[in-house]
């Protein structure tokens, strides 16, 4: 579970915690500010309305609830939700029948990563009635098989990279000087000897660190090879840019807190442009389990009225993407959190299945 927002200044006592949990349960269920009479009836505590009002006043003073101007009832704040999620939540995971159906739906698409991601996004959306988002799997294995160079006009060189023994990538390099055919051949021979079979990410790392650190000890051949390699192995714009699949964003149109036309337009623009949401999801790539961003915690104004529940998923024991749900802060966390966790794990398992 996320370690976010531990800085709760005060911890409510047991009675206040029970009333806060009841208040949040009622507000998530009904979407209406919760008053003392409702709390007296729903909490099971033998407390007078006056006592409950005093407890609510304390919770409001410490920032766990607030009072809308149009009602005498209270609603949870981001701080209240955070305390609820970290301390009071009782998870309601999917039942065995739901789990079996989830697994079957994903395993039917094993062997097609894009279809799997689309199905996973649709599944979490349909089960939560919120927006499901899944980042497309990043390449887990990209090893250099061979590199060759071909001289072109105007100090340009064509770099031909063979990756994973089958994928051919051609890149035109604009260099500061002319390289002869013999120089290009010798540089390719040196680089193939040094890097053949290594992951592309590892090749880039070595070029930036180890080889640059010993630059003063390099001979002319090594200098030529490194000059060419640094250009050839540089990531091209958009080459490793993440992408995501979104499903069920129209579910958000029926949620009162998000129904303002201007707010919905900005939120849908964020889904369309993807950049901010992808950046937020990327924060969960190396997380230990489910991450929850409540309201202002996301750092993006457009998501101030939303919560994002996200979990990384793996392929071949490597994290390759993130699965999540976006909805209002008034969401059923007890169901959404375990569901996101389970579907992320199942997506990883399905990606590991081979035809």
Protein backbone atom coordinates (compact mmCIF):
# COMPACT_ATOMS: atom_id res chain seq x y z
CA UNK A 1 0.00 0.00 0.00
CA UNK A 2 1.16 3.51 -0.64
CA UNK A 3 3.17 5.39 1.95
CA UNK A 4 1.83 8.71 0.71
CA UNK A 5 0.46 11.43 2.95
CA UNK A 6 1.55 10.04 6.31
CA UNK A 7 1.68 13.54 7.72
CA UNK A 8 -1.73 13.40 9.42
CA UNK A 9 -1.26 15.82 12.28
CA UNK A 10 -3.80 14.25 14.63
CA UNK A 11 -5.12 10.73 14.99
CA UNK A 12 -8.82 10.61 15.88
CA UNK A 13 -9.76 8.46 18.86
CA UNK A 14 -11.60 5.18 18.36
CA UNK A 15 -15.05 6.74 18.58
CA UNK A 16 -14.17 9.48 16.09
CA UNK A 17 -12.61 6.92 13.74
CA UNK A 18 -15.81 4.86 13.74
CA UNK A 19 -17.91 7.92 12.96
CA UNK A 20 -15.49 8.99 10.22
CA UNK A 21 -15.63 5.54 8.63
CA UNK A 22 -19.43 5.56 8.81
CA UNK A 23 -19.56 9.06 7.34
CA UNK A 24 -17.35 8.07 4.40
CA UNK A 25 -19.29 4.86 3.81
CA UNK A 26 -22.55 6.84 3.70
CA UNK A 27 -21.14 9.58 1.49
CA UNK A 28 -19.63 7.12 -1.00
CA UNK A 29 -22.95 5.25 -1.13
CA UNK A 30 -25.35 8.21 -1.34
CA UNK A 31 -23.29 11.16 -2.55
CA UNK A 32 -24.97 13.48 -0.04
CA UNK A 33 -23.54 15.35 2.97
CA UNK A 34 -23.96 13.22 6.09
CA UNK A 35 -25.67 14.62 9.20
CA UNK A 36 -25.64 13.59 12.83
CA UNK A 37 -28.98 11.74 12.64
CA UNK A 38 -27.73 9.54 9.81
CA UNK A 39 -24.50 8.83 11.70
CA UNK A 40 -26.44 7.97 14.86
CA UNK A 41 -28.55 5.48 12.89
CA UNK A 42 -25.77 3.98 10.75
CA UNK A 43 -22.83 3.84 13.17
CA UNK A 44 -24.39 1.56 15.77
CA UNK A 45 -23.03 3.78 18.53
CA UNK A 46 -25.25 4.78 21.42
CA UNK A 47 -24.47 8.48 21.18
CA UNK A 48 -26.71 11.50 21.31
CA UNK A 49 -26.94 13.79 18.31
CA UNK A 50 -25.23 16.48 20.39
CA UNK A 51 -22.26 14.23 21.09
CA UNK A 52 -22.00 13.26 17.42
CA UNK A 53 -22.10 16.93 16.43
CA UNK A 54 -19.25 17.64 18.84
CA UNK A 55 -17.17 14.80 17.37
CA UNK A 56 -17.88 16.07 13.86
CA UNK A 57 -16.83 19.57 14.89
CA UNK A 58 -13.50 18.15 16.12
CA UNK A 59 -13.03 16.19 12.89
CA UNK A 60 -13.76 19.32 10.90
CA UNK A 61 -11.36 21.41 13.00
CA UNK A 62 -8.58 18.95 12.24
CA UNK A 63 -9.35 18.82 8.52
CA UNK A 64 -10.88 15.36 8.14
CA UNK A 65 -14.34 16.59 7.06
CA UNK A 66 -15.86 19.82 5.79
CA UNK A 67 -19.30 21.44 5.73
CA UNK A 68 -20.78 22.39 2.36
CA UNK A 69 -22.45 25.79 2.51
CA UNK A 70 -25.80 24.38 1.41
CA UNK A 71 -26.06 21.67 4.06
CA UNK A 72 -25.66 21.04 7.76
CA UNK A 73 -24.09 17.68 6.94
CA UNK A 74 -20.41 16.93 6.42
CA UNK A 75 -18.38 15.46 3.57
CA UNK A 76 -14.91 13.90 3.70
CA UNK A 77 -11.84 15.92 2.72
CA UNK A 78 -8.77 14.56 0.94
CA UNK A 79 -7.17 14.22 4.39
CA UNK A 80 -10.20 12.29 5.65
CA UNK A 81 -10.08 9.92 2.68
CA UNK A 82 -6.34 9.44 3.16
CA UNK A 83 -6.77 8.49 6.82
CA UNK A 84 -9.64 6.20 5.85
CA UNK A 85 -7.57 4.44 3.17
CA UNK A 86 -4.46 4.10 5.33
CA UNK A 87 -6.15 3.11 8.59
CA UNK A 88 -9.84 2.26 8.43
CA UNK A 89 -10.39 0.48 5.13
CA UNK A 90 -11.86 -3.03 5.02
CA UNK A 91 -11.09 -4.57 1.64
CA UNK A 92 -13.78 -6.32 -0.39
CA UNK A 93 -11.89 -8.32 -3.05
CA UNK A 94 -13.71 -9.92 -5.98
CA UNK A 95 -15.34 -13.26 -5.24
CA UNK A 96 -14.07 -16.51 -6.75
CA UNK A 97 -16.51 -16.41 -9.65
CA UNK A 98 -15.42 -12.89 -10.60
CA UNK A 99 -11.75 -13.85 -10.34
CA UNK A 100 -12.30 -16.88 -12.58
CA UNK A 101 -14.09 -14.74 -15.18
CA UNK A 102 -11.33 -12.11 -15.08
CA UNK A 103 -8.67 -14.75 -15.61
CA UNK A 104 -10.58 -16.36 -18.47
CA UNK A 105 -11.16 -13.01 -20.21
CA UNK A 106 -7.46 -12.16 -20.12
CA UNK A 107 -6.09 -15.60 -20.95
CA UNK A 108 -8.26 -15.71 -24.09
CA UNK A 109 -6.10 -12.85 -25.42
CA UNK A 110 -2.72 -14.26 -24.41
CA UNK A 111 -0.12 -13.70 -27.09
CA UNK A 112 -1.48 -10.30 -28.13
CA UNK A 113 -0.17 -7.63 -25.70
CA UNK A 114 -2.26 -4.80 -27.15
CA UNK A 115 -5.45 -6.87 -26.96
CA UNK A 116 -4.60 -7.85 -23.39
CA UNK A 117 -4.08 -4.25 -22.33
CA UNK A 118 -7.34 -3.20 -23.98
CA UNK A 119 -9.23 -6.03 -22.30
CA UNK A 120 -7.72 -5.24 -18.88
CA UNK A 121 -8.68 -1.58 -19.20
CA UNK A 122 -12.24 -2.51 -20.17
CA UNK A 123 -12.51 -5.04 -17.33
CA UNK A 124 -11.52 -2.67 -14.52
CA UNK A 125 -13.76 0.00 -16.00
CA UNK A 126 -16.81 -2.24 -16.24
CA UNK A 127 -16.33 -3.64 -12.73
CA UNK A 128 -15.80 -0.25 -11.07
CA UNK A 129 -18.00 1.88 -13.37
CA UNK A 130 -15.08 4.32 -13.56
CA UNK A 131 -12.35 5.01 -16.12
CA UNK A 132 -9.83 2.21 -16.60
CA UNK A 133 -6.31 3.13 -17.77
CA UNK A 134 -3.47 0.78 -18.68
CA UNK A 135 -0.10 1.78 -20.08
CA UNK A 136 1.05 -0.27 -23.06
CA UNK A 137 3.81 -2.77 -22.16
CA UNK A 138 7.31 -1.48 -22.66
CA UNK A 139 9.72 -3.70 -24.55
CA UNK A 140 11.15 -6.16 -22.03
CA UNK A 141 13.92 -7.57 -24.21
CA UNK A 142 15.84 -5.60 -26.80
CA UNK A 143 19.30 -7.06 -27.43
CA UNK A 144 21.78 -5.92 -30.05
CA UNK A 145 22.52 -8.64 -32.60
CA UNK A 146 24.66 -6.65 -35.04
CA UNK A 147 25.53 -3.12 -36.14
CA UNK A 148 26.90 -1.97 -39.50
CA UNK A 149 27.68 1.46 -40.96
CA UNK A 150 27.31 2.66 -44.54
CA UNK A 151 28.79 5.98 -45.67
CA UNK A 152 26.47 8.52 -47.29
CA UNK A 153 27.08 11.96 -48.76
CA UNK A 154 27.63 15.11 -46.71
CA UNK A 155 29.29 13.58 -43.61
CA UNK A 156 26.27 11.36 -43.12
CA UNK A 157 26.35 7.70 -42.15
CA UNK A 158 23.59 5.09 -42.25
CA UNK A 159 23.65 2.97 -39.08
CA UNK A 160 21.98 -0.44 -39.50
CA UNK A 161 21.07 -2.09 -36.20
CA UNK A 162 19.75 -5.64 -35.97
CA UNK A 163 17.86 -6.14 -32.68
CA UNK A 164 16.66 -9.46 -31.23
CA UNK A 165 18.06 -11.21 -34.34
CA UNK A 166 15.11 -10.08 -36.46
CA UNK A 167 14.22 -6.40 -36.06
CA UNK A 168 16.19 -4.04 -38.33
CA UNK A 169 16.48 -0.37 -37.40
CA UNK A 170 18.01 2.16 -39.81
CA UNK A 171 19.23 5.53 -38.56
CA UNK A 172 20.90 8.31 -40.51
CA UNK A 173 23.66 9.97 -38.48
CA UNK A 174 24.83 13.51 -39.20
CA UNK A 175 28.51 13.66 -38.16
CA UNK A 176 31.11 16.39 -37.78
CA UNK A 177 33.56 14.85 -40.25
CA UNK A 178 33.79 12.34 -43.09
CA UNK A 179 34.41 8.71 -42.17
CA UNK A 180 36.05 6.41 -44.72
CA UNK A 181 34.58 3.01 -45.54
CA UNK A 182 37.51 1.36 -43.73
CA UNK A 183 36.95 3.45 -40.59
CA UNK A 184 33.29 2.53 -40.59
CA UNK A 185 34.05 -1.17 -41.05
CA UNK A 186 36.60 -1.23 -38.23
CA UNK A 187 34.27 0.71 -35.91
CA UNK A 188 31.44 -1.77 -36.57
CA UNK A 189 33.77 -4.72 -35.91
CA UNK A 190 34.86 -3.20 -32.60
CA UNK A 191 31.28 -2.42 -31.48
CA UNK A 192 29.99 -5.88 -32.43
CA UNK A 193 32.79 -7.43 -30.41
CA UNK A 194 32.03 -5.23 -27.39
CA UNK A 195 28.25 -5.18 -27.36
CA UNK A 196 26.74 -8.06 -29.38
CA UNK A 197 24.05 -9.83 -27.34
CA UNK A 198 23.72 -7.06 -24.76
CA UNK A 199 20.50 -5.22 -23.94
CA UNK A 200 20.19 -1.90 -25.76
CA UNK A 201 19.60 -0.08 -22.47
CA UNK A 202 22.83 -1.57 -21.10
CA UNK A 203 24.71 -0.54 -24.24
CA UNK A 204 23.51 3.05 -23.85
CA UNK A 205 24.49 3.05 -20.18
CA UNK A 206 28.00 1.79 -20.91
CA UNK A 207 28.49 4.35 -23.66
CA UNK A 208 27.52 7.16 -21.32
CA UNK A 209 29.49 6.02 -18.28
CA UNK A 210 32.22 3.41 -18.52
CA UNK A 211 33.60 4.27 -21.96
CA UNK A 212 33.41 8.03 -21.50
CA UNK A 213 35.27 7.78 -18.20
CA UNK A 214 38.24 6.14 -19.94
CA UNK A 215 38.18 8.48 -22.93
CA UNK A 216 41.76 9.64 -22.40
CA UNK A 217 42.95 6.04 -22.68
CA UNK A 218 41.19 5.30 -25.98
CA UNK A 219 43.00 4.87 -29.24
CA UNK A 220 41.72 6.36 -32.50
CA UNK A 221 39.70 3.26 -33.38
CA UNK A 222 37.86 3.32 -30.06
CA UNK A 223 37.23 7.06 -30.34
CA UNK A 224 35.74 6.63 -33.80
CA UNK A 225 33.59 3.71 -32.64
CA UNK A 226 32.27 5.56 -29.61
CA UNK A 227 31.51 8.67 -31.66
CA UNK A 228 29.45 6.60 -34.08
CA UNK A 229 27.84 4.48 -31.39
CA UNK A 230 26.71 7.40 -29.26
CA UNK A 231 24.75 8.72 -32.23
CA UNK A 232 23.50 5.32 -33.39
CA UNK A 233 22.26 4.14 -29.99
CA UNK A 234 20.68 7.42 -28.92
CA UNK A 235 16.96 7.00 -28.35
CA UNK A 236 15.03 8.65 -31.15
CA UNK A 237 12.17 11.04 -30.31
CA UNK A 238 9.12 9.02 -29.29
CA UNK A 239 10.96 5.70 -29.53
CA UNK A 240 10.36 4.81 -25.92
CA UNK A 241 7.40 7.09 -25.28
CA UNK A 242 4.78 5.34 -23.24
CA UNK A 243 1.22 5.03 -24.43
CA UNK A 244 -1.95 4.04 -22.66
CA UNK A 245 -5.37 2.59 -23.34
CA UNK A 246 -8.37 4.26 -21.69
CA UNK A 247 -11.81 2.66 -21.29
CA UNK A 248 -15.00 3.92 -19.69
CA UNK A 249 -14.11 7.60 -19.44
CA UNK A 250 -17.75 8.38 -20.26
CA UNK A 251 -18.67 6.75 -16.92
CA UNK A 252 -17.36 9.91 -15.27
CA UNK A 253 -20.06 12.01 -16.95
CA UNK A 254 -22.70 10.62 -14.62
CA UNK A 255 -20.84 11.48 -11.41
CA UNK A 256 -22.18 14.62 -9.76
CA UNK A 257 -18.81 15.92 -8.51
CA UNK A 258 -17.36 15.76 -12.02
CA UNK A 259 -20.43 16.75 -14.03
CA UNK A 260 -19.45 20.40 -14.53
CA UNK A 261 -19.07 20.79 -18.30
CA UNK A 262 -15.84 22.75 -18.09
CA UNK A 263 -14.28 20.28 -15.66
CA UNK A 264 -15.33 17.32 -17.78
CA UNK A 265 -13.89 18.93 -20.92
CA UNK A 266 -10.53 19.50 -19.21
CA UNK A 267 -10.52 15.97 -17.84
CA UNK A 268 -11.31 14.47 -21.25
CA UNK A 269 -8.57 16.65 -22.77
CA UNK A 270 -6.17 15.13 -20.23
CA UNK A 271 -7.23 11.64 -21.32
CA UNK A 272 -6.72 12.63 -24.95
CA UNK A 273 -3.35 14.33 -24.53
CA UNK A 274 -2.19 11.59 -22.11
CA UNK A 275 1.03 13.30 -21.01
CA UNK A 276 0.02 14.28 -17.46
CA UNK A 277 -1.80 11.04 -16.71
CA UNK A 278 1.10 8.98 -18.08
CA UNK A 279 3.53 10.94 -15.93
CA UNK A 280 1.38 10.23 -12.87
CA UNK A 281 1.08 6.53 -13.70
CA UNK A 282 4.85 6.34 -14.22
CA UNK A 283 5.24 7.16 -10.53
CA UNK A 284 3.78 3.71 -9.84
CA UNK A 285 6.19 1.83 -12.14
CA UNK A 286 8.55 0.93 -9.32
CA UNK A 287 6.05 0.99 -6.48
CA UNK A 288 5.60 -1.87 -4.08
CA UNK A 289 1.98 -2.74 -4.78
CA UNK A 290 -0.98 -0.42 -5.20
CA UNK A 291 -0.53 3.35 -5.14
CA UNK A 292 -3.41 5.72 -4.36
CA UNK A 293 -3.39 9.41 -5.28
CA UNK A 294 -6.29 11.23 -3.63
CA UNK A 295 -7.37 14.64 -4.91
CA UNK A 296 -4.56 17.19 -4.64
CA UNK A 297 -1.97 14.44 -4.02
CA UNK A 298 -1.65 13.86 -7.77
CA UNK A 299 -0.07 17.28 -8.25
CA UNK A 300 -2.30 17.95 -11.28
CA UNK A 301 -5.07 20.52 -10.90
CA UNK A 302 -7.32 18.69 -13.36
CA UNK A 303 -7.32 15.70 -10.97
CA UNK A 304 -8.06 17.69 -7.80
CA UNK A 305 -11.54 16.15 -7.58
CA UNK A 306 -10.37 12.68 -8.60
CA UNK A 307 -8.55 9.73 -7.12
CA UNK A 308 -6.20 7.48 -9.05
CA UNK A 309 -5.63 3.89 -7.92
CA UNK A 310 -2.75 2.25 -9.81
CA UNK A 311 -0.53 -0.82 -9.67
CA UNK A 312 2.45 -1.97 -11.77
CA UNK A 313 2.28 -5.16 -13.81
CA UNK A 314 5.16 -7.38 -14.89
CA UNK A 315 6.32 -9.56 -17.74
CA UNK A 316 9.24 -11.97 -17.37
CA UNK A 317 9.70 -10.64 -13.81
CA UNK A 318 10.22 -7.08 -15.09
CA UNK A 319 7.81 -4.20 -14.59
CA UNK A 320 6.55 -3.18 -18.03
CA UNK A 321 3.49 -1.02 -17.32
CA UNK A 322 0.84 0.25 -14.94
CA UNK A 323 -2.87 -0.51 -14.61
CA UNK A 324 -5.19 1.90 -12.87
CA UNK A 325 -8.61 3.37 -12.27
CA UNK A 326 -9.52 7.06 -12.31
CA UNK A 327 -12.67 8.27 -10.65
CA UNK A 328 -13.98 10.75 -8.11
CA UNK A 329 -12.48 10.93 -4.62
CA UNK A 330 -15.89 9.53 -3.61
CA UNK A 331 -15.11 6.03 -4.85
CA UNK A 332 -15.54 2.60 -3.26
CA UNK A 333 -11.88 2.19 -2.28
CA UNK A 334 -12.58 -1.07 -0.45
CA UNK A 335 -13.49 -2.68 -3.79
CA UNK A 336 -11.41 -0.67 -6.26
CA UNK A 337 -8.02 -1.17 -4.55
CA UNK A 338 -8.06 -5.00 -4.39
CA UNK A 339 -9.57 -5.15 -7.88
CA UNK A 340 -6.75 -3.05 -9.37
CA UNK A 341 -4.20 -5.19 -7.55
CA UNK A 342 -5.69 -8.48 -8.77
CA UNK A 343 -6.20 -7.43 -12.40
CA UNK A 344 -2.64 -6.04 -12.58
CA UNK A 345 -1.30 -9.39 -11.38
CA UNK A 346 -3.52 -11.30 -13.81
CA UNK A 347 -2.45 -9.08 -16.71
CA UNK A 348 1.18 -9.88 -15.94
CA UNK A 349 0.40 -13.61 -15.79
CA UNK A 350 -1.45 -13.46 -19.12
CA UNK A 351 1.46 -11.62 -20.76
CA UNK A 352 3.76 -14.45 -19.70
CA UNK A 353 1.60 -17.10 -21.38
CA UNK A 354 3.02 -18.29 -24.69
CA UNK A 355 1.07 -19.44 -27.70
